[in-house]
Amino acid sequence: MLDAAILALRDILSPPFRGVLMKSLALTVGLLIALWLALVWVFAHYVATPWPWLDTALDIMTGVGLIVGLGFLVAPVTALFAGLFLDDVAEMVERTHYPADPPGRAQPFLAGIVTAVKFLAVVLVVNAIALPFVLLLGFGFLIFLAANGYLLGREYFELAALRHHDELTVLRLRRRNSRTIFAAGLLIAAFLAIPIVNLLGPLFATAFMVHVEKRIAAKG
């Protein structure tokens, strides 16, 4: 699996991927900045007290809270954009490393949007549940990592596998290789936990899971 991760890192930093990389970074950073500005505006206009010292304290707490909150949103945001960039990235990976294999089928654009939005909702719910454990318990980060590992592994595998198999076959492969897919998801979740580097998350996760899916499909 580590060799697949190394291949994925080389892929996303290679010249053919730079166009997709720029689009991915622009969308991810743009959405996070828009969320930041919107939340700052809401707090500035609707959260006020008669005591200046309390306002200052709330401003500081709000700033820290927004940084932590947006950090947790990186995984859902990358999951959302995965549906937009999967086919471009997967096609380049397959063409570069697996030219003898049949080409994958691209998901219809609207189907990709619906899938991405559904998964975004699931990830947001799970992270909202995990967040109190992260803040209050010493082992909370492990809960967060495990939850995202499961969700990200499942989603990225299905998105990669559906290019080549029907839904029933993908479900069978996922159940038969659940440990491998979960381990791959943990690696993706760990990658997304690294500040700044996690902005490359959609490209790395997609390229990495294409390599993982190829190895799983080869076993049958």
Protein backbone atom coordinates (compact mmCIF):
# COMPACT_ATOMS: atom_id res chain seq x y z
CA MET A 1 0.00 0.00 0.00
CA LEU A 2 2.88 2.36 0.69
CA ASP A 3 4.09 1.93 -2.88
CA ALA A 4 0.64 2.98 -4.09
CA ALA A 5 0.83 6.09 -1.87
CA ILE A 6 4.28 6.97 -3.24
CA LEU A 7 3.02 6.52 -6.81
CA ALA A 8 0.05 8.79 -6.02
CA LEU A 9 2.32 11.51 -4.63
CA ARG A 10 4.49 11.35 -7.73
CA ASP A 11 1.40 11.48 -9.92
CA ILE A 12 -0.15 14.58 -8.40
CA LEU A 13 3.13 16.50 -8.54
CA SER A 14 3.83 15.59 -12.17
CA PRO A 15 3.20 18.03 -15.07
CA PRO A 16 0.03 16.31 -16.44
CA PHE A 17 -1.74 16.89 -13.12
CA ARG A 18 -0.90 20.55 -12.66
CA GLY A 19 -4.02 21.89 -14.35
CA VAL A 20 -6.28 19.80 -12.12
CA LEU A 21 -4.10 20.68 -9.13
CA MET A 22 -4.60 24.40 -9.71
CA LYS A 23 -8.38 24.01 -10.07
CA SER A 24 -8.57 21.85 -6.95
CA LEU A 25 -6.53 24.27 -4.86
CA ALA A 26 -8.50 27.26 -6.11
CA LEU A 27 -11.88 25.69 -5.29
CA THR A 28 -10.83 24.32 -1.90
CA VAL A 29 -9.14 27.52 -0.71
CA GLY A 30 -11.91 29.66 -2.19
CA LEU A 31 -14.65 27.73 -0.39
CA LEU A 32 -12.81 27.77 2.95
CA ILE A 33 -12.16 31.52 2.68
CA ALA A 34 -15.81 32.14 1.80
CA LEU A 35 -16.92 30.12 4.84
CA TRP A 36 -14.46 32.02 7.05
CA LEU A 37 -15.68 35.44 5.87
CA ALA A 38 -19.33 34.45 6.19
CA LEU A 39 -18.90 33.17 9.76
CA VAL A 40 -16.84 36.22 10.78
CA TRP A 41 -19.56 38.50 9.40
CA VAL A 42 -22.30 36.62 11.27
CA PHE A 43 -20.43 36.81 14.59
CA ALA A 44 -19.50 40.47 14.07
CA HIS A 45 -23.09 41.51 13.38
CA TYR A 46 -25.11 39.25 15.66
CA VAL A 47 -22.88 38.44 18.64
CA ALA A 48 -22.33 41.45 20.89
CA THR A 49 -22.43 42.22 24.62
CA PRO A 50 -22.52 45.43 26.68
CA TRP A 51 -19.00 44.73 27.97
CA PRO A 52 -16.02 45.45 25.67
CA TRP A 53 -13.75 43.01 27.52
CA LEU A 54 -16.24 40.22 26.91
CA ASP A 55 -16.51 41.17 23.25
CA THR A 56 -12.72 40.93 22.95
CA ALA A 57 -12.70 37.53 24.66
CA LEU A 58 -15.48 36.31 22.36
CA ASP A 59 -13.58 37.56 19.31
CA ILE A 60 -10.50 35.59 20.35
CA MET A 61 -12.54 32.46 21.10
CA THR A 62 -14.37 32.84 17.79
CA GLY A 63 -11.10 33.11 15.88
CA VAL A 64 -9.68 29.99 17.52
CA GLY A 65 -12.96 28.14 17.05
CA LEU A 66 -13.10 29.05 13.36
CA ILE A 67 -9.55 27.80 12.81
CA VAL A 68 -10.35 24.48 14.50
CA GLY A 69 -13.71 24.19 12.74
CA LEU A 70 -12.34 24.93 9.28
CA GLY A 71 -9.56 22.43 9.95
CA PHE A 72 -12.20 19.77 10.47
CA LEU A 73 -13.99 20.87 7.30
CA VAL A 74 -11.00 20.06 5.08
CA ALA A 75 -12.02 16.39 4.88
CA PRO A 76 -15.65 17.11 3.88
CA VAL A 77 -14.58 19.77 1.40
CA THR A 78 -12.09 17.43 -0.26
CA ALA A 79 -14.79 14.76 -0.36
CA LEU A 80 -17.07 17.21 -2.16
CA PHE A 81 -14.45 18.05 -4.76
CA ALA A 82 -13.53 14.39 -5.26
CA GLY A 83 -16.75 13.95 -7.21
CA LEU A 84 -15.74 16.82 -9.50
CA PHE A 85 -12.14 15.74 -10.19
CA LEU A 86 -12.22 11.97 -9.89
CA ASP A 87 -12.65 11.15 -13.56
CA ASP A 88 -9.96 13.56 -14.76
CA VAL A 89 -7.45 12.32 -12.20
CA ALA A 90 -8.39 8.64 -12.53
CA GLU A 91 -8.14 8.80 -16.31
CA MET A 92 -4.63 10.26 -16.15
CA VAL A 93 -3.51 7.67 -13.58
CA GLU A 94 -4.95 4.79 -15.61
CA ARG A 95 -3.51 6.07 -18.86
CA THR A 96 -0.06 6.53 -17.29
CA HIS A 97 0.24 3.34 -15.22
CA TYR A 98 -2.31 0.91 -16.69
CA PRO A 99 -2.38 1.56 -20.46
CA ALA A 100 -3.18 -2.08 -21.27
CA ASP A 101 -6.34 -2.13 -19.11
CA PRO A 102 -9.77 -1.17 -20.49
CA PRO A 103 -10.43 2.55 -19.90
CA GLY A 104 -12.84 3.47 -17.13
CA ARG A 105 -16.30 4.93 -17.64
CA ALA A 106 -16.74 8.51 -16.49
CA GLN A 107 -19.70 9.21 -14.21
CA PRO A 108 -22.31 11.56 -15.64
CA PHE A 109 -21.67 15.06 -14.31
CA LEU A 110 -24.96 15.36 -12.40
CA ALA A 111 -24.55 11.87 -10.91
CA GLY A 112 -21.10 12.85 -9.68
CA ILE A 113 -22.49 16.02 -8.08
CA VAL A 114 -25.28 14.11 -6.32
CA THR A 115 -22.85 11.48 -5.03
CA ALA A 116 -20.41 14.11 -3.77
CA VAL A 117 -23.14 16.11 -1.99
CA LYS A 118 -24.55 12.97 -0.33
CA PHE A 119 -21.14 11.99 0.95
CA LEU A 120 -20.44 15.53 2.12
CA ALA A 121 -23.57 15.35 4.29
CA VAL A 122 -22.52 12.02 5.82
CA VAL A 123 -18.99 13.25 6.58
CA LEU A 124 -20.32 16.44 8.16
CA VAL A 125 -22.62 14.47 10.47
CA VAL A 126 -19.90 12.03 11.52
CA ASN A 127 -17.39 14.83 12.15
CA ALA A 128 -19.96 16.80 14.13
CA ILE A 129 -20.43 13.76 16.37
CA ALA A 130 -16.68 13.13 16.66
CA LEU A 131 -15.72 16.77 17.36
CA PRO A 132 -16.79 16.81 21.06
CA PHE A 133 -14.69 13.69 21.68
CA VAL A 134 -11.68 15.34 20.03
CA LEU A 135 -12.03 18.44 22.20
CA LEU A 136 -12.88 16.73 25.49
CA LEU A 137 -11.06 13.40 25.45
CA GLY A 138 -7.40 12.61 25.02
CA PHE A 139 -8.09 9.84 22.53
CA GLY A 140 -10.67 11.86 20.61
CA PHE A 141 -8.35 12.36 17.64
CA LEU A 142 -8.24 8.59 17.17
CA ILE A 143 -12.04 8.54 16.94
CA PHE A 144 -11.92 11.34 14.39
CA LEU A 145 -9.22 9.54 12.39
CA ALA A 146 -11.05 6.20 12.45
CA ALA A 147 -14.39 7.74 11.43
CA ASN A 148 -12.84 9.63 8.53
CA GLY A 149 -10.72 6.63 7.59
CA TYR A 150 -13.81 4.47 7.19
CA LEU A 151 -15.84 7.07 5.31
CA LEU A 152 -13.05 8.33 3.05
CA GLY A 153 -11.83 4.82 2.26
CA ARG A 154 -15.32 3.66 1.34
CA GLU A 155 -16.19 6.70 -0.74
CA TYR A 156 -12.96 7.02 -2.69
CA PHE A 157 -12.88 3.29 -3.37
CA GLU A 158 -16.44 3.28 -4.68
CA LEU A 159 -15.83 6.33 -6.84
CA ALA A 160 -12.74 4.67 -8.37
CA ALA A 161 -14.28 1.20 -8.70
CA LEU A 162 -17.53 2.38 -10.31
CA ARG A 163 -15.50 3.43 -13.34
CA HIS A 164 -14.98 -0.27 -14.12
CA HIS A 165 -17.66 -2.29 -12.30
CA ASP A 166 -21.39 -2.27 -11.61
CA GLU A 167 -22.66 -1.39 -8.14
CA LEU A 168 -23.12 -5.00 -6.98
CA THR A 169 -19.57 -5.90 -7.97
CA VAL A 170 -18.22 -2.80 -6.22
CA LEU A 171 -20.15 -3.72 -3.06
CA ARG A 172 -18.76 -7.27 -3.17
CA LEU A 173 -15.21 -6.03 -3.64
CA ARG A 174 -15.59 -3.51 -0.83
CA ARG A 175 -16.91 -6.08 1.64
CA ARG A 176 -14.29 -8.67 0.69
CA ASN A 177 -11.46 -6.15 1.05
CA SER A 178 -12.84 -4.03 3.88
CA ARG A 179 -9.62 -4.10 5.92
CA THR A 180 -7.49 -2.99 2.99
CA ILE A 181 -9.92 -0.20 2.11
CA PHE A 182 -10.13 0.93 5.73
CA ALA A 183 -6.33 1.01 5.97
CA ALA A 184 -6.22 3.07 2.76
CA GLY A 185 -8.85 5.39 4.23
CA LEU A 186 -6.77 5.83 7.38
CA LEU A 187 -3.80 6.86 5.26
CA ILE A 188 -5.96 9.37 3.40
CA ALA A 189 -7.37 10.70 6.70
CA ALA A 190 -3.84 11.08 8.09
CA PHE A 191 -2.80 12.94 4.94
CA LEU A 192 -5.76 15.27 5.36
CA ALA A 193 -4.77 15.95 8.98
CA ILE A 194 -1.53 17.65 7.88
CA PRO A 195 -2.10 21.43 7.57
CA ILE A 196 -1.45 22.99 4.15
CA VAL A 197 -0.49 19.60 2.69
CA ASN A 198 -4.11 18.52 3.06
CA LEU A 199 -5.09 20.96 0.31
CA LEU A 200 -3.73 18.33 -2.06
CA GLY A 201 -6.14 15.83 -0.54
CA PRO A 202 -8.59 15.34 -3.43
CA LEU A 203 -5.82 14.60 -5.94
CA PHE A 204 -3.79 12.37 -3.63
CA ALA A 205 -6.83 10.41 -2.40
CA THR A 206 -8.16 9.85 -5.91
CA ALA A 207 -4.83 8.82 -7.45
CA PHE A 208 -4.00 6.64 -4.44
CA MET A 209 -7.35 4.84 -4.48
CA VAL A 210 -7.11 4.18 -8.21
CA HIS A 211 -3.89 2.27 -7.52
CA VAL A 212 -5.51 0.45 -4.57
CA GLU A 213 -8.59 -0.44 -6.62
CA LYS A 214 -6.43 -1.87 -9.40
CA ARG A 215 -4.67 -4.15 -6.91
CA ILE A 216 -7.97 -5.24 -5.34
CA ALA A 217 -9.61 -5.89 -8.73
CA ALA A 218 -6.61 -7.97 -9.83
CA LYS A 219 -7.19 -10.31 -6.87
CA GLY A 220 -10.87 -10.69 -7.77
